[in-house]
């Protein structure tokens, strides 16, 4: 199963923990593969996304940042 949802995170980010929990729940419900990527060791990603963390991608395109709306994510995956 290919990964459809990716969540960019960094350590110590409470919004990241919330986003990962929502993504995990929605993806489990829909049978969709997802992944989490810590960008703290990637200077380019930190420069691009560091102020928007967590950032959620669906099918390779940026979907959300800061917070994940479960209904919106379900719709994007439907």
N, C-alpha and C. Protein backbone atom coordinates (compact mmCIF):
# COMPACT_ATOMS: atom_id res chain seq x y z
N UNK A 1 0.86 -1.18 0.00
CA UNK A 1 0.00 0.00 0.00
C UNK A 1 0.90 1.24 0.00
N UNK A 2 0.69 2.14 -0.93
CA UNK A 2 1.53 3.33 -0.98
C UNK A 2 1.00 4.38 -0.01
N UNK A 3 1.93 5.18 0.50
CA UNK A 3 1.61 6.22 1.47
C UNK A 3 0.89 7.35 0.76
N UNK A 4 -0.29 7.71 1.26
CA UNK A 4 -1.06 8.81 0.68
C UNK A 4 -0.98 10.07 1.52
N UNK A 5 -0.72 9.91 2.82
CA UNK A 5 -0.68 11.06 3.72
C UNK A 5 0.68 11.08 4.41
N UNK A 6 1.29 12.26 4.42
CA UNK A 6 2.55 12.45 5.13
C UNK A 6 2.38 13.64 6.07
N UNK A 7 2.87 13.50 7.29
CA UNK A 7 2.82 14.58 8.27
C UNK A 7 4.25 14.97 8.61
N UNK A 8 4.58 16.23 8.36
CA UNK A 8 5.89 16.75 8.74
C UNK A 8 5.81 17.26 10.17
N UNK A 9 6.75 16.81 11.01
CA UNK A 9 6.72 17.15 12.43
C UNK A 9 8.12 17.55 12.90
N UNK A 10 8.19 18.00 14.15
CA UNK A 10 9.47 18.20 14.82
C UNK A 10 9.27 17.91 16.31
N UNK A 11 10.32 17.51 16.99
CA UNK A 11 10.22 17.14 18.41
C UNK A 11 9.71 18.29 19.27
N UNK A 12 8.94 17.94 20.30
CA UNK A 12 8.46 18.93 21.26
C UNK A 12 7.29 19.76 20.77
N UNK A 13 6.68 19.38 19.69
CA UNK A 13 5.58 20.14 19.07
C UNK A 13 4.25 19.52 19.48
N UNK A 14 3.51 20.20 20.36
CA UNK A 14 2.23 19.65 20.80
C UNK A 14 1.19 19.61 19.67
N UNK A 15 1.25 20.55 18.75
CA UNK A 15 0.33 20.52 17.60
C UNK A 15 0.63 19.31 16.72
N UNK A 16 1.90 18.93 16.65
CA UNK A 16 2.29 17.75 15.87
C UNK A 16 1.68 16.50 16.46
N UNK A 17 1.73 16.38 17.76
CA UNK A 17 1.14 15.21 18.43
C UNK A 17 -0.35 15.12 18.13
N UNK A 18 -1.03 16.26 18.19
CA UNK A 18 -2.47 16.28 17.87
C UNK A 18 -2.72 15.88 16.42
N UNK A 19 -1.92 16.44 15.51
CA UNK A 19 -2.10 16.16 14.08
C UNK A 19 -1.87 14.68 13.78
N UNK A 20 -0.81 14.12 14.35
CA UNK A 20 -0.50 12.70 14.12
C UNK A 20 -1.64 11.82 14.62
N UNK A 21 -2.19 12.15 15.77
CA UNK A 21 -3.30 11.35 16.32
C UNK A 21 -4.51 11.39 15.38
N UNK A 22 -4.83 12.56 14.85
CA UNK A 22 -5.98 12.69 13.95
C UNK A 22 -5.71 11.96 12.64
N UNK A 23 -4.54 12.15 12.07
CA UNK A 23 -4.20 11.49 10.81
C UNK A 23 -4.22 9.97 10.99
N UNK A 24 -3.64 9.48 12.07
CA UNK A 24 -3.62 8.04 12.33
C UNK A 24 -5.04 7.48 12.43
N UNK A 25 -5.91 8.20 13.12
CA UNK A 25 -7.29 7.75 13.29
C UNK A 25 -8.05 7.74 11.97
N UNK A 26 -7.99 8.83 11.23
CA UNK A 26 -8.72 8.93 9.96
C UNK A 26 -8.18 7.92 8.96
N UNK A 27 -6.86 7.79 8.88
CA UNK A 27 -6.28 6.85 7.92
C UNK A 27 -6.61 5.40 8.28
N UNK A 28 -6.63 5.08 9.56
CA UNK A 28 -7.02 3.73 9.98
C UNK A 28 -8.47 3.45 9.61
N UNK A 29 -9.31 4.44 9.82
CA UNK A 29 -10.74 4.31 9.50
C UNK A 29 -10.95 4.04 8.02
N UNK A 30 -10.13 4.71 7.17
CA UNK A 30 -10.30 4.61 5.72
C UNK A 30 -9.38 3.58 5.07
N UNK A 31 -8.50 2.97 5.85
CA UNK A 31 -7.56 2.00 5.29
C UNK A 31 -6.51 2.63 4.39
N UNK A 32 -6.06 3.82 4.78
CA UNK A 32 -5.10 4.58 3.98
C UNK A 32 -3.75 4.58 4.70
N UNK A 33 -2.67 4.38 3.93
CA UNK A 33 -1.33 4.40 4.51
C UNK A 33 -0.87 5.84 4.72
N UNK A 34 -0.14 6.05 5.84
CA UNK A 34 0.36 7.39 6.13
C UNK A 34 1.75 7.25 6.76
N UNK A 35 2.48 8.37 6.81
CA UNK A 35 3.79 8.37 7.44
C UNK A 35 4.02 9.70 8.14
N UNK A 36 4.95 9.68 9.07
CA UNK A 36 5.35 10.88 9.81
C UNK A 36 6.83 11.09 9.52
N UNK A 37 7.22 12.35 9.26
CA UNK A 37 8.63 12.66 9.00
C UNK A 37 9.07 13.82 9.87
N UNK A 38 10.06 13.55 10.71
CA UNK A 38 10.67 14.57 11.56
C UNK A 38 11.62 15.39 10.69
N UNK A 39 11.34 16.68 10.56
CA UNK A 39 12.17 17.52 9.68
C UNK A 39 13.25 18.29 10.45
N UNK A 40 13.39 18.03 11.74
CA UNK A 40 14.35 18.80 12.53
C UNK A 40 15.79 18.66 12.04
N UNK A 41 16.11 17.56 11.37
CA UNK A 41 17.46 17.37 10.85
C UNK A 41 17.62 17.74 9.38
N UNK A 42 16.61 18.34 8.81
CA UNK A 42 16.62 18.70 7.39
C UNK A 42 16.52 20.22 7.26
N UNK A 43 17.68 20.91 7.10
CA UNK A 43 17.66 22.38 7.06
C UNK A 43 16.75 22.97 5.99
N UNK A 44 16.68 22.33 4.82
CA UNK A 44 15.82 22.86 3.75
C UNK A 44 14.35 22.77 4.14
N UNK A 45 13.94 21.62 4.67
CA UNK A 45 12.54 21.46 5.09
C UNK A 45 12.22 22.38 6.26
N UNK A 46 13.16 22.54 7.19
CA UNK A 46 12.93 23.45 8.31
C UNK A 46 12.76 24.89 7.82
N UNK A 47 13.56 25.27 6.83
CA UNK A 47 13.44 26.62 6.28
C UNK A 47 12.08 26.81 5.61
N UNK A 48 11.65 25.80 4.87
CA UNK A 48 10.39 25.91 4.11
C UNK A 48 9.17 25.75 5.00
N UNK A 49 9.19 24.79 5.93
CA UNK A 49 7.98 24.43 6.68
C UNK A 49 8.06 24.67 8.18
N UNK A 50 9.21 25.10 8.68
CA UNK A 50 9.42 25.20 10.12
C UNK A 50 8.40 26.03 10.87
N UNK A 51 7.89 27.07 10.26
CA UNK A 51 6.89 27.93 10.92
C UNK A 51 5.46 27.43 10.73
N UNK A 52 5.28 26.40 9.93
CA UNK A 52 3.93 25.87 9.65
C UNK A 52 3.70 24.51 10.30
N UNK A 53 4.68 23.97 10.97
CA UNK A 53 4.61 22.62 11.54
C UNK A 53 3.43 22.48 12.48
N UNK A 54 2.69 21.41 12.45
CA UNK A 54 2.81 20.29 11.53
C UNK A 54 2.23 20.63 10.16
N UNK A 55 2.79 20.03 9.14
CA UNK A 55 2.29 20.20 7.78
C UNK A 55 1.83 18.84 7.29
N UNK A 56 0.65 18.80 6.71
CA UNK A 56 0.07 17.55 6.22
C UNK A 56 0.01 17.60 4.69
N UNK A 57 0.48 16.52 4.08
CA UNK A 57 0.42 16.36 2.63
C UNK A 57 -0.50 15.19 2.30
N UNK A 58 -1.31 15.35 1.27
CA UNK A 58 -2.16 14.27 0.75
C UNK A 58 -1.79 14.08 -0.71
N UNK A 59 -1.39 12.86 -1.04
CA UNK A 59 -0.98 12.53 -2.41
C UNK A 59 0.08 13.49 -2.93
N UNK A 60 1.02 13.86 -2.06
CA UNK A 60 2.15 14.69 -2.45
C UNK A 60 1.89 16.19 -2.49
N UNK A 61 0.68 16.61 -2.20
CA UNK A 61 0.35 18.04 -2.23
C UNK A 61 0.04 18.52 -0.83
N UNK A 62 0.51 19.73 -0.50
CA UNK A 62 0.24 20.26 0.83
C UNK A 62 -1.26 20.41 1.04
N UNK A 63 -1.72 19.87 2.16
CA UNK A 63 -3.15 19.85 2.46
C UNK A 63 -3.49 20.81 3.60
N UNK A 64 -2.76 20.74 4.69
CA UNK A 64 -3.02 21.55 5.88
C UNK A 64 -1.72 21.91 6.57
N UNK A 65 -1.81 22.88 7.47
CA UNK A 65 -0.71 23.16 8.39
C UNK A 65 -1.30 23.63 9.70
N UNK A 66 -0.52 23.50 10.77
CA UNK A 66 -0.88 23.79 12.16
C UNK A 66 -1.90 22.82 12.73
N UNK A 67 -3.05 22.69 12.12
CA UNK A 67 -4.09 21.80 12.64
C UNK A 67 -4.66 20.95 11.50
N UNK A 68 -5.15 19.77 11.85
CA UNK A 68 -5.76 18.88 10.87
C UNK A 68 -7.24 18.77 11.19
N UNK A 69 -8.06 19.09 10.21
CA UNK A 69 -9.51 18.95 10.35
C UNK A 69 -9.88 17.55 9.86
N UNK A 70 -10.38 16.69 10.75
CA UNK A 70 -10.68 15.31 10.34
C UNK A 70 -11.66 15.22 9.16
N UNK A 71 -12.68 16.04 9.16
CA UNK A 71 -13.67 16.00 8.07
C UNK A 71 -13.04 16.40 6.75
N UNK A 72 -12.21 17.42 6.78
CA UNK A 72 -11.54 17.88 5.57
C UNK A 72 -10.57 16.82 5.04
N UNK A 73 -9.87 16.14 5.96
CA UNK A 73 -8.96 15.08 5.56
C UNK A 73 -9.73 13.91 4.94
N UNK A 74 -10.82 13.51 5.57
CA UNK A 74 -11.66 12.43 5.01
C UNK A 74 -12.11 12.78 3.59
N UNK A 75 -12.54 14.03 3.41
CA UNK A 75 -13.01 14.46 2.08
C UNK A 75 -11.87 14.39 1.06
N UNK A 76 -10.68 14.83 1.45
CA UNK A 76 -9.54 14.81 0.53
C UNK A 76 -9.14 13.38 0.15
N UNK A 77 -9.38 12.45 1.07
CA UNK A 77 -9.02 11.05 0.81
C UNK A 77 -10.14 10.27 0.14
N UNK A 78 -11.32 10.89 0.04
CA UNK A 78 -12.48 10.19 -0.52
C UNK A 78 -12.52 10.21 -1.96
